Amino acid sequence: MTAAEERASDTREGRSEADGSAHVRTPERTGGYYHLLKAVIYRDLLIWVRYPLNAALGLFMGVFFFALMFYGGTLVAGEAFSDSIEGLIVGYFLWTLSLGAYSGIMNDIQSEASWGTLERHFMTPFGFGPVVLAKSIAIVFRTFMTSAVILVVMLLVTGTGLNLNLVTVLPVATLTLAGALGLGLVMGGLSVLYKRISNIANLLQFAFIGLISAPVFDLPWARVLPLVQGSAMLQRAMVDGTRLWEFDPLSLAVLIGTSVFYLAFGYAVFSLTTRRARRLGVLGDY
């Protein structure tokens, strides 16, 4: 080896050692559950705003259907309809919330499967469960934002005032949405396994109307159904001004119990269906 070659070899080794030492000195960046939740919420909002026409049409259709009910009911029933307008606004607000949570998590799972990215959630360092939980929180957050806009427009159109005590409304509405999220996870898991279940999924959306308007005081057994107990409590909170600490303990216990049960049931069904889809090798098929 000539002197020039030895000098070139020493130069390369020195650069390698320098690069290695620089690499060692660079601290390794690790993320926690906070970073996971932040990234998932940012991704969900980013996908939503990247299609502004679709987002705007979603808000417009929500307001449009309410305007049809309001003006149509006013023309047909007149003063009798106006006396129950507060209950209609609260019921429609809860329907937009529950529909957004239900269809949001279901459509997100279907989109992940069609994009071929659903399988990656099983390989993340966080595990599959925390990723799905973060997605659910992100969808609930976005749903509250869109439904709040629709609620403000409804109040302006009708000239109605409601008791919007956030300390009461937010916990009751969030617990109520847990049942809708559970049903969305069930439908999402079935869509991963059976691919096309749009007819059943769309039918369940209309069932939400019956659950929200169910006469809970005349049918006490209906309280164990999803959305029913939360709807009754949200009506009392937003129309009558009842505070969270003024509800009887039994009503709160039923609300929390049904919310936890349906959310856990939905996650269990979703886990079983995705596990079976993995065994059959159809998890990434579309």
C-alpha atoms as a PDB file:
ATOM      1  CA  MET A   1       0.000   0.000   0.000  1.00  0.00           C
ATOM      2  CA  THR A   2       1.427   3.367  -0.977  1.00  0.00           C
ATOM      3  CA  ALA A   3       1.672   6.354   1.325  1.00  0.00           C
ATOM      4  CA  ALA A   4      -1.181   8.096  -0.510  1.00  0.00           C
ATOM      5  CA  GLU A   5      -3.444   5.084  -0.097  1.00  0.00           C
ATOM      6  CA  GLU A   6      -2.602   4.858   3.625  1.00  0.00           C
ATOM      7  CA  ARG A   7      -3.479   8.520   4.092  1.00  0.00           C
ATOM      8  CA  ALA A   8      -6.800   8.026   2.238  1.00  0.00           C
ATOM      9  CA  SER A   9      -7.596   4.973   4.394  1.00  0.00           C
ATOM     10  CA  ASP A  10      -6.841   6.883   7.581  1.00  0.00           C
ATOM     11  CA  THR A  11      -9.035   9.728   6.401  1.00  0.00           C
ATOM     12  CA  ARG A  12     -11.974   7.379   5.767  1.00  0.00           C
ATOM     13  CA  GLU A  13     -11.542   5.709   9.150  1.00  0.00           C
ATOM     14  CA  GLY A  14     -11.434   9.090  10.858  1.00  0.00           C
ATOM     15  CA  ARG A  15     -14.631  10.141   9.132  1.00  0.00           C
ATOM     16  CA  SER A  16     -16.311   6.882  10.125  1.00  0.00           C
ATOM     17  CA  GLU A  17     -15.281   7.342  13.754  1.00  0.00           C
ATOM     18  CA  ALA A  18     -16.477  10.931  13.681  1.00  0.00           C
ATOM     19  CA  ASP A  19     -19.776   9.907  12.203  1.00  0.00           C
ATOM     20  CA  GLY A  20     -20.133   7.124  14.761  1.00  0.00           C
ATOM     21  CA  SER A  21     -19.348   9.404  17.675  1.00  0.00           C
ATOM     22  CA  ALA A  22     -21.789  11.981  16.352  1.00  0.00           C
ATOM     23  CA  HIS A  23     -24.408   9.260  16.078  1.00  0.00           C
ATOM     24  CA  VAL A  24     -23.783   8.158  19.645  1.00  0.00           C
ATOM     25  CA  ARG A  25     -24.015  11.699  20.943  1.00  0.00           C
ATOM     26  CA  THR A  26     -27.425  12.224  19.283  1.00  0.00           C
ATOM     27  CA  PRO A  27     -30.121  11.407  21.859  1.00  0.00           C
ATOM     28  CA  GLU A  28     -32.709   8.878  20.763  1.00  0.00           C
ATOM     29  CA  ARG A  29     -36.171  10.393  20.530  1.00  0.00           C
ATOM     30  CA  THR A  30     -38.975   8.296  21.929  1.00  0.00           C
ATOM     31  CA  GLY A  31     -42.651   9.140  22.069  1.00  0.00           C
ATOM     32  CA  GLY A  32     -45.236   8.378  24.723  1.00  0.00           C
ATOM     33  CA  TYR A  33     -48.996   8.049  24.753  1.00  0.00           C
ATOM     34  CA  TYR A  34     -49.325  11.833  24.729  1.00  0.00           C
ATOM     35  CA  HIS A  35     -47.430  12.001  21.443  1.00  0.00           C
ATOM     36  CA  LEU A  36     -49.562   9.183  20.055  1.00  0.00           C
ATOM     37  CA  LEU A  37     -52.797  10.969  20.951  1.00  0.00           C
ATOM     38  CA  LYS A  38     -51.509  14.288  19.627  1.00  0.00           C
ATOM     39  CA  ALA A  39     -50.428  12.721  16.337  1.00  0.00           C
ATOM     40  CA  VAL A  40     -53.700  10.845  15.850  1.00  0.00           C
ATOM     41  CA  ILE A  41     -55.825  13.942  16.581  1.00  0.00           C
ATOM     42  CA  TYR A  42     -53.686  16.039  14.236  1.00  0.00           C
ATOM     43  CA  ARG A  43     -53.952  13.395  11.513  1.00  0.00           C
ATOM     44  CA  ASP A  44     -57.740  13.144  11.888  1.00  0.00           C
ATOM     45  CA  LEU A  45     -58.227  16.915  11.688  1.00  0.00           C
ATOM     46  CA  LEU A  46     -55.755  17.174   8.811  1.00  0.00           C
ATOM     47  CA  ILE A  47     -57.620  14.585   6.740  1.00  0.00           C
ATOM     48  CA  TRP A  48     -60.887  16.387   7.504  1.00  0.00           C
ATOM     49  CA  VAL A  49     -59.677  19.848   6.427  1.00  0.00           C
ATOM     50  CA  ARG A  50     -57.790  18.515   3.399  1.00  0.00           C
ATOM     51  CA  TYR A  51     -61.211  17.975   1.801  1.00  0.00           C
ATOM     52  CA  PRO A  52     -62.892  21.302   2.560  1.00  0.00           C
ATOM     53  CA  LEU A  53     -65.794  20.809   0.156  1.00  0.00           C
ATOM     54  CA  ASN A  54     -66.747  17.517   1.772  1.00  0.00           C
ATOM     55  CA  ALA A  55     -66.393  19.014   5.273  1.00  0.00           C
ATOM     56  CA  ALA A  56     -68.494  22.049   4.367  1.00  0.00           C
ATOM     57  CA  LEU A  57     -71.167  19.908   2.747  1.00  0.00           C
ATOM     58  CA  GLY A  58     -71.342  17.757   5.873  1.00  0.00           C
ATOM     59  CA  LEU A  59     -72.031  20.812   8.019  1.00  0.00           C
ATOM     60  CA  PHE A  60     -74.492  22.193   5.464  1.00  0.00           C
ATOM     61  CA  MET A  61     -76.458  18.938   5.283  1.00  0.00           C
ATOM     62  CA  GLY A  62     -76.683  18.792   9.066  1.00  0.00           C
ATOM     63  CA  VAL A  63     -78.164  22.300   9.192  1.00  0.00           C
ATOM     64  CA  PHE A  64     -80.321  21.696   6.098  1.00  0.00           C
ATOM     65  CA  PHE A  65     -82.103  18.647   7.532  1.00  0.00           C
ATOM     66  CA  PHE A  66     -82.815  20.487  10.757  1.00  0.00           C
ATOM     67  CA  ALA A  67     -84.183  23.464   8.817  1.00  0.00           C
ATOM     68  CA  LEU A  68     -86.526  21.125   6.952  1.00  0.00           C
ATOM     69  CA  MET A  69     -87.832  19.700  10.226  1.00  0.00           C
ATOM     70  CA  PHE A  70     -88.136  23.101  11.871  1.00  0.00           C
ATOM     71  CA  TYR A  71     -89.894  25.009   9.112  1.00  0.00           C
ATOM     72  CA  GLY A  72     -91.950  22.004   8.055  1.00  0.00           C
ATOM     73  CA  GLY A  73     -93.092  21.384  11.618  1.00  0.00           C
ATOM     74  CA  THR A  74     -93.886  25.073  12.118  1.00  0.00           C
ATOM     75  CA  LEU A  75     -96.071  25.129   8.999  1.00  0.00           C
ATOM     76  CA  VAL A  76     -97.920  21.961   9.951  1.00  0.00           C
ATOM     77  CA  ALA A  77     -98.271  22.223  13.744  1.00  0.00           C
ATOM     78  CA  GLY A  78     -97.711  25.936  14.345  1.00  0.00           C
ATOM     79  CA  GLU A  79     -97.552  26.947  17.990  1.00  0.00           C
ATOM     80  CA  ALA A  80     -97.752  23.377  19.249  1.00  0.00           C
ATOM     81  CA  PHE A  81     -94.487  22.579  17.479  1.00  0.00           C
ATOM     82  CA  SER A  82     -92.764  25.687  18.792  1.00  0.00           C
ATOM     83  CA  ASP A  83     -93.472  24.614  22.366  1.00  0.00           C
ATOM     84  CA  SER A  84     -91.309  21.509  21.932  1.00  0.00           C
ATOM     85  CA  ILE A  85     -88.526  23.069  19.889  1.00  0.00           C
ATOM     86  CA  GLU A  86     -85.992  22.874  22.752  1.00  0.00           C
ATOM     87  CA  GLY A  87     -86.386  19.115  22.964  1.00  0.00           C
ATOM     88  CA  LEU A  88     -86.042  18.811  19.199  1.00  0.00           C
ATOM     89  CA  ILE A  89     -82.806  20.812  19.201  1.00  0.00           C
ATOM     90  CA  VAL A  90     -81.265  18.736  21.985  1.00  0.00           C
ATOM     91  CA  GLY A  91     -82.353  15.484  20.349  1.00  0.00           C
ATOM     92  CA  TYR A  92     -80.983  16.524  16.961  1.00  0.00           C
ATOM     93  CA  PHE A  93     -77.739  17.715  18.558  1.00  0.00           C
ATOM     94  CA  LEU A  94     -77.288  14.352  20.256  1.00  0.00           C
ATOM     95  CA  TRP A  95     -78.162  12.559  17.018  1.00  0.00           C
ATOM     96  CA  THR A  96     -75.425  14.425  15.113  1.00  0.00           C
ATOM     97  CA  LEU A  97     -72.966  13.637  17.910  1.00  0.00           C
ATOM     98  CA  SER A  98     -73.799   9.931  18.059  1.00  0.00           C
ATOM     99  CA  LEU A  99     -73.939   9.586  14.277  1.00  0.00           C
ATOM    100  CA  GLY A 100     -70.569  11.310  13.918  1.00  0.00           C
ATOM    101  CA  ALA A 101     -68.947   9.051  16.523  1.00  0.00           C
ATOM    102  CA  TYR A 102     -70.562   5.889  15.152  1.00  0.00           C
ATOM    103  CA  SER A 103     -69.892   6.474  11.464  1.00  0.00           C
ATOM    104  CA  GLY A 104     -66.542   8.159  12.159  1.00  0.00           C
ATOM    105  CA  ILE A 105     -64.866   5.174  13.811  1.00  0.00           C
ATOM    106  CA  MET A 106     -66.503   2.733  11.377  1.00  0.00           C
ATOM    107  CA  ASN A 107     -65.470   4.696   8.276  1.00  0.00           C
ATOM    108  CA  ASP A 108     -61.968   5.195   9.654  1.00  0.00           C
ATOM    109  CA  ILE A 109     -61.508   1.457  10.117  1.00  0.00           C
ATOM    110  CA  GLN A 110     -62.866   0.774   6.630  1.00  0.00           C
ATOM    111  CA  SER A 111     -60.546   3.410   5.156  1.00  0.00           C
ATOM    112  CA  GLU A 112     -57.524   1.964   6.960  1.00  0.00           C
ATOM    113  CA  ALA A 113     -58.385  -1.468   5.584  1.00  0.00           C
ATOM    114  CA  SER A 114     -58.796  -0.150   2.037  1.00  0.00           C
ATOM    115  CA  TRP A 115     -55.535   1.846   2.263  1.00  0.00           C
ATOM    116  CA  GLY A 116     -53.676  -1.219   3.518  1.00  0.00           C
ATOM    117  CA  THR A 117     -52.528   0.527   6.710  1.00  0.00           C
ATOM    118  CA  LEU A 118     -54.695  -1.314   9.226  1.00  0.00           C
ATOM    119  CA  GLU A 119     -52.126  -4.080   9.619  1.00  0.00           C
ATOM    120  CA  ARG A 120     -49.489  -1.561  10.729  1.00  0.00           C
ATOM    121  CA  HIS A 121     -51.451  -0.788  13.893  1.00  0.00           C
ATOM    122  CA  PHE A 122     -50.694  -4.294  15.146  1.00  0.00           C
ATOM    123  CA  MET A 123     -46.950  -3.644  14.778  1.00  0.00           C
ATOM    124  CA  THR A 124     -46.730  -0.323  16.608  1.00  0.00           C
ATOM    125  CA  PRO A 125     -44.782  -0.158  19.902  1.00  0.00           C
ATOM    126  CA  PHE A 126     -47.943   1.086  21.624  1.00  0.00           C
ATOM    127  CA  GLY A 127     -50.053  -1.920  20.741  1.00  0.00           C
ATOM    128  CA  PHE A 128     -53.305  -2.120  18.833  1.00  0.00           C
ATOM    129  CA  GLY A 129     -55.596  -1.173  21.728  1.00  0.00           C
ATOM    130  CA  PRO A 130     -54.083   2.259  22.503  1.00  0.00           C
ATOM    131  CA  VAL A 131     -54.107   3.180  18.803  1.00  0.00           C
ATOM    132  CA  VAL A 132     -57.830   2.407  18.504  1.00  0.00           C
ATOM    133  CA  LEU A 133     -58.510   4.311  21.738  1.00  0.00           C
ATOM    134  CA  ALA A 134     -56.597   7.327  20.409  1.00  0.00           C
ATOM    135  CA  LYS A 135     -58.583   7.165  17.170  1.00  0.00           C
ATOM    136  CA  SER A 136     -61.830   7.100  19.162  1.00  0.00           C
ATOM    137  CA  ILE A 137     -60.813  10.159  21.188  1.00  0.00           C
ATOM    138  CA  ALA A 138     -59.826  12.014  18.004  1.00  0.00           C
ATOM    139  CA  ILE A 139     -63.159  11.237  16.364  1.00  0.00           C
ATOM    140  CA  VAL A 140     -65.114  12.324  19.452  1.00  0.00           C
ATOM    141  CA  PHE A 141     -63.119  15.566  19.552  1.00  0.00           C
ATOM    142  CA  ARG A 142     -63.840  16.329  15.890  1.00  0.00           C
ATOM    143  CA  THR A 143     -67.488  15.342  16.298  1.00  0.00           C
ATOM    144  CA  PHE A 144     -67.923  17.776  19.180  1.00  0.00           C
ATOM    145  CA  MET A 145     -66.452  20.541  17.030  1.00  0.00           C
ATOM    146  CA  THR A 146     -68.772  19.956  14.068  1.00  0.00           C
ATOM    147  CA  SER A 147     -71.882  19.339  16.172  1.00  0.00           C
ATOM    148  CA  ALA A 148     -71.201  22.498  18.195  1.00  0.00           C
ATOM    149  CA  VAL A 149     -71.257  24.510  14.962  1.00  0.00           C
ATOM    150  CA  ILE A 150     -74.585  22.919  13.994  1.00  0.00           C
ATOM    151  CA  LEU A 151     -75.973  23.604  17.483  1.00  0.00           C
ATOM    152  CA  VAL A 152     -75.059  27.297  17.287  1.00  0.00           C
ATOM    153  CA  VAL A 153     -76.733  27.602  13.884  1.00  0.00           C
ATOM    154  CA  MET A 154     -79.859  25.834  15.189  1.00  0.00           C
ATOM    155  CA  LEU A 155     -80.107  28.249  18.124  1.00  0.00           C
ATOM    156  CA  LEU A 156     -79.681  31.242  15.807  1.00  0.00           C
ATOM    157  CA  VAL A 157     -82.257  29.978  13.296  1.00  0.00           C
ATOM    158  CA  THR A 158     -84.896  29.216  15.915  1.00  0.00           C
ATOM    159  CA  GLY A 159     -84.074  32.051  18.307  1.00  0.00           C
ATOM    160  CA  THR A 160     -84.030  29.552  21.159  1.00  0.00           C
ATOM    161  CA  GLY A 161     -81.876  29.615  24.267  1.00  0.00           C
ATOM    162  CA  LEU A 162     -80.571  26.543  26.060  1.00  0.00           C
ATOM    163  CA  ASN A 163     -78.623  25.920  29.251  1.00  0.00           C
ATOM    164  CA  LEU A 164     -75.140  25.141  27.972  1.00  0.00           C
ATOM    165  CA  ASN A 165     -73.370  24.399  31.233  1.00  0.00           C
ATOM    166  CA  LEU A 166     -70.214  22.693  29.973  1.00  0.00           C
ATOM    167  CA  VAL A 167     -69.474  21.072  33.331  1.00  0.00           C
ATOM    168  CA  THR A 168     -72.694  19.098  32.896  1.00  0.00           C
ATOM    169  CA  VAL A 169     -73.161  18.853  29.140  1.00  0.00           C
ATOM    170  CA  LEU A 170     -69.666  17.639  28.245  1.00  0.00           C
ATOM    171  CA  PRO A 171     -69.488  14.679  30.684  1.00  0.00           C
ATOM    172  CA  VAL A 172     -73.046  13.539  29.949  1.00  0.00           C
ATOM    173  CA  ALA A 173     -72.613  13.844  26.179  1.00  0.00           C
ATOM    174  CA  THR A 174     -69.202  12.140  26.239  1.00  0.00           C
ATOM    175  CA  LEU A 175     -70.494   9.187  28.246  1.00  0.00           C
ATOM    176  CA  THR A 176     -73.481   8.933  25.922  1.00  0.00           C
ATOM    177  CA  LEU A 177     -71.194   8.848  22.894  1.00  0.00           C
ATOM    178  CA  ALA A 178     -69.302   5.903  24.370  1.00  0.00           C
ATOM    179  CA  GLY A 179     -72.266   3.681  23.508  1.00  0.00           C
ATOM    180  CA  ALA A 180     -72.279   4.949  19.912  1.00  0.00           C
ATOM    181  CA  LEU A 181     -68.524   4.356  19.678  1.00  0.00           C
ATOM    182  CA  GLY A 182     -69.024   0.787  20.862  1.00  0.00           C
ATOM    183  CA  LEU A 183     -71.570   0.152  18.121  1.00  0.00           C
ATOM    184  CA  GLY A 184     -69.213   1.749  15.606  1.00  0.00           C
ATOM    185  CA  LEU A 185     -66.428  -0.617  16.676  1.00  0.00           C
ATOM    186  CA  VAL A 186     -68.774  -3.564  16.204  1.00  0.00           C
ATOM    187  CA  MET A 187     -69.651  -2.462  12.677  1.00  0.00           C
ATOM    188  CA  GLY A 188     -66.007  -1.658  11.931  1.00  0.00           C
ATOM    189  CA  GLY A 189     -64.887  -5.112  13.012  1.00  0.00           C
ATOM    190  CA  LEU A 190     -67.604  -6.771  10.958  1.00  0.00           C
ATOM    191  CA  SER A 191     -66.618  -4.688   7.930  1.00  0.00           C
ATOM    192  CA  VAL A 192     -63.006  -5.882   8.254  1.00  0.00           C
ATOM    193  CA  LEU A 193     -64.160  -9.492   8.322  1.00  0.00           C
ATOM    194  CA  TYR A 194     -67.125  -9.422   5.909  1.00  0.00           C
ATOM    195  CA  LYS A 195     -66.098  -6.311   3.896  1.00  0.00           C
ATOM    196  CA  ARG A 196     -69.528  -5.069   2.763  1.00  0.00           C
ATOM    197  CA  ILE A 197     -72.103  -4.438   5.485  1.00  0.00           C
ATOM    198  CA  SER A 198     -73.348  -1.011   4.407  1.00  0.00           C
ATOM    199  CA  ASN A 199     -77.027  -1.997   4.533  1.00  0.00           C
ATOM    200  CA  ILE A 200     -76.844  -3.046   8.183  1.00  0.00           C
ATOM    201  CA  ALA A 201     -74.687  -0.049   9.102  1.00  0.00           C
ATOM    202  CA  ASN A 202     -77.087   2.421   7.489  1.00  0.00           C
ATOM    203  CA  LEU A 203     -80.086   0.777   9.134  1.00  0.00           C
ATOM    204  CA  LEU A 204     -78.511   1.205  12.551  1.00  0.00           C
ATOM    205  CA  GLN A 205     -78.172   4.954  11.952  1.00  0.00           C
ATOM    206  CA  PHE A 206     -81.946   5.288  11.815  1.00  0.00           C
ATOM    207  CA  ALA A 207     -82.238   3.186  14.969  1.00  0.00           C
ATOM    208  CA  PHE A 208     -80.412   5.986  16.782  1.00  0.00           C
ATOM    209  CA  ILE A 209     -83.483   8.198  16.303  1.00  0.00           C
ATOM    210  CA  GLY A 210     -85.654   5.713  18.166  1.00  0.00           C
ATOM    211  CA  LEU A 211     -83.090   5.281  20.943  1.00  0.00           C
ATOM    212  CA  ILE A 212     -82.686   9.025  21.457  1.00  0.00           C
ATOM    213  CA  SER A 213     -86.445   9.615  21.557  1.00  0.00           C
ATOM    214  CA  ALA A 214     -87.269   6.543  23.664  1.00  0.00           C
ATOM    215  CA  PRO A 215     -89.654   7.296  26.583  1.00  0.00           C
ATOM    216  CA  VAL A 216     -87.241   6.377  29.344  1.00  0.00           C
ATOM    217  CA  PHE A 217     -89.617   7.381  32.129  1.00  0.00           C
ATOM    218  CA  ASP A 218     -92.463   5.257  30.753  1.00  0.00           C
ATOM    219  CA  LEU A 219     -90.201   2.310  29.933  1.00  0.00           C
ATOM    220  CA  PRO A 220     -87.618   1.996  32.714  1.00  0.00           C
ATOM    221  CA  TRP A 221     -86.050  -1.092  31.108  1.00  0.00           C
ATOM    222  CA  ALA A 222     -85.090   1.029  28.086  1.00  0.00           C
ATOM    223  CA  ARG A 223     -82.393   2.719  30.183  1.00  0.00           C
ATOM    224  CA  VAL A 224     -80.030  -0.170  29.566  1.00  0.00           C
ATOM    225  CA  LEU A 225     -80.076   0.468  25.809  1.00  0.00           C
ATOM    226  CA  PRO A 226     -77.362   2.673  24.280  1.00  0.00           C
ATOM    227  CA  LEU A 227     -78.032   6.436  24.087  1.00  0.00           C
ATOM    228  CA  VAL A 228     -81.348   6.221  25.964  1.00  0.00           C
ATOM    229  CA  GLN A 229     -80.236   7.223  29.465  1.00  0.00           C
ATOM    230  CA  GLY A 230     -77.834   9.839  28.155  1.00  0.00           C
ATOM    231  CA  SER A 231     -80.527  11.388  25.971  1.00  0.00           C
ATOM    232  CA  ALA A 232     -82.917  11.775  28.903  1.00  0.00           C
ATOM    233  CA  MET A 233     -80.227  13.334  31.092  1.00  0.00           C
ATOM    234  CA  LEU A 234     -79.033  15.660  28.331  1.00  0.00           C
ATOM    235  CA  GLN A 235     -82.596  16.891  27.849  1.00  0.00           C
ATOM    236  CA  ARG A 236     -82.839  17.722  31.533  1.00  0.00           C
ATOM    237  CA  ALA A 237     -79.437  19.391  31.534  1.00  0.00           C
ATOM    238  CA  MET A 238     -79.910  21.581  28.451  1.00  0.00           C
ATOM    239  CA  VAL A 239     -83.642  22.320  28.681  1.00  0.00           C
ATOM    240  CA  ASP A 240     -84.347  22.331  32.426  1.00  0.00           C
ATOM    241  CA  GLY A 241     -80.891  23.466  33.556  1.00  0.00           C
ATOM    242  CA  THR A 242     -80.216  20.452  35.791  1.00  0.00           C
ATOM    243  CA  ARG A 243     -76.608  20.338  36.951  1.00  0.00           C
ATOM    244  CA  LEU A 244     -74.464  17.220  37.024  1.00  0.00           C
ATOM    245  CA  TRP A 245     -74.479  16.970  40.818  1.00  0.00           C
ATOM    246  CA  GLU A 246     -78.273  17.351  40.879  1.00  0.00           C
ATOM    247  CA  PHE A 247     -78.941  14.066  39.076  1.00  0.00           C
ATOM    248  CA  ASP A 248     -79.829  11.151  41.306  1.00  0.00           C
ATOM    249  CA  PRO A 249     -77.045   8.593  41.837  1.00  0.00           C
ATOM    250  CA  LEU A 250     -79.023   5.844  40.103  1.00  0.00           C
ATOM    251  CA  SER A 251     -79.244   7.825  36.855  1.00  0.00           C
ATOM    252  CA  LEU A 252     -75.509   8.536  36.917  1.00  0.00           C
ATOM    253  CA  ALA A 253     -74.736   4.901  37.690  1.00  0.00           C
ATOM    254  CA  VAL A 254     -76.906   3.688  34.792  1.00  0.00           C
ATOM    255  CA  LEU A 255     -75.288   6.178  32.412  1.00  0.00           C
ATOM    256  CA  ILE A 256     -71.746   5.199  33.388  1.00  0.00           C
ATOM    257  CA  GLY A 257     -72.557   1.477  33.457  1.00  0.00           C
ATOM    258  CA  THR A 258     -74.193   1.376  30.029  1.00  0.00           C
ATOM    259  CA  SER A 259     -71.461   3.524  28.485  1.00  0.00           C
ATOM    260  CA  VAL A 260     -68.648   1.334  29.809  1.00  0.00           C
ATOM    261  CA  PHE A 261     -70.497  -1.861  28.887  1.00  0.00           C
ATOM    262  CA  TYR A 262     -71.235  -0.964  25.259  1.00  0.00           C
ATOM    263  CA  LEU A 263     -67.768   0.472  24.697  1.00  0.00           C
ATOM    264  CA  ALA A 264     -66.134  -2.650  26.144  1.00  0.00           C
ATOM    265  CA  PHE A 265     -68.521  -4.884  24.204  1.00  0.00           C
ATOM    266  CA  GLY A 266     -67.724  -3.053  20.972  1.00  0.00           C
ATOM    267  CA  TYR A 267     -63.985  -3.308  21.533  1.00  0.00           C
ATOM    268  CA  ALA A 268     -64.277  -7.026  22.385  1.00  0.00           C
ATOM    269  CA  VAL A 269     -66.239  -7.746  19.193  1.00  0.00           C
ATOM    270  CA  PHE A 270     -63.782  -5.662  17.169  1.00  0.00           C
ATOM    271  CA  SER A 271     -60.821  -7.554  18.630  1.00  0.00           C
ATOM    272  CA  LEU A 272     -62.419 -10.935  17.907  1.00  0.00           C
ATOM    273  CA  THR A 273     -63.349 -10.078  14.332  1.00  0.00           C
ATOM    274  CA  THR A 274     -59.949  -8.590  13.485  1.00  0.00           C
ATOM    275  CA  ARG A 275     -58.228 -11.586  15.078  1.00  0.00           C
ATOM    276  CA  ARG A 276     -60.287 -13.924  12.929  1.00  0.00           C
ATOM    277  CA  ALA A 277     -59.561 -11.786   9.870  1.00  0.00           C
ATOM    278  CA  ARG A 278     -55.835 -12.161  10.591  1.00  0.00           C
ATOM    279  CA  ARG A 279     -56.163 -15.924  10.896  1.00  0.00           C
ATOM    280  CA  LEU A 280     -58.023 -16.076   7.587  1.00  0.00           C
ATOM    281  CA  GLY A 281     -55.505 -13.734   5.945  1.00  0.00           C
ATOM    282  CA  VAL A 282     -58.125 -11.186   4.893  1.00  0.00           C
ATOM    283  CA  LEU A 283     -57.208  -8.331   7.230  1.00  0.00           C
ATOM    284  CA  GLY A 284     -55.686  -6.250   4.446  1.00  0.00           C
ATOM    285  CA  ASP A 285     -58.077  -7.376   1.714  1.00  0.00           C
ATOM    286  CA  TYR A 286     -60.609  -4.954   0.324  1.00  0.00           C
END
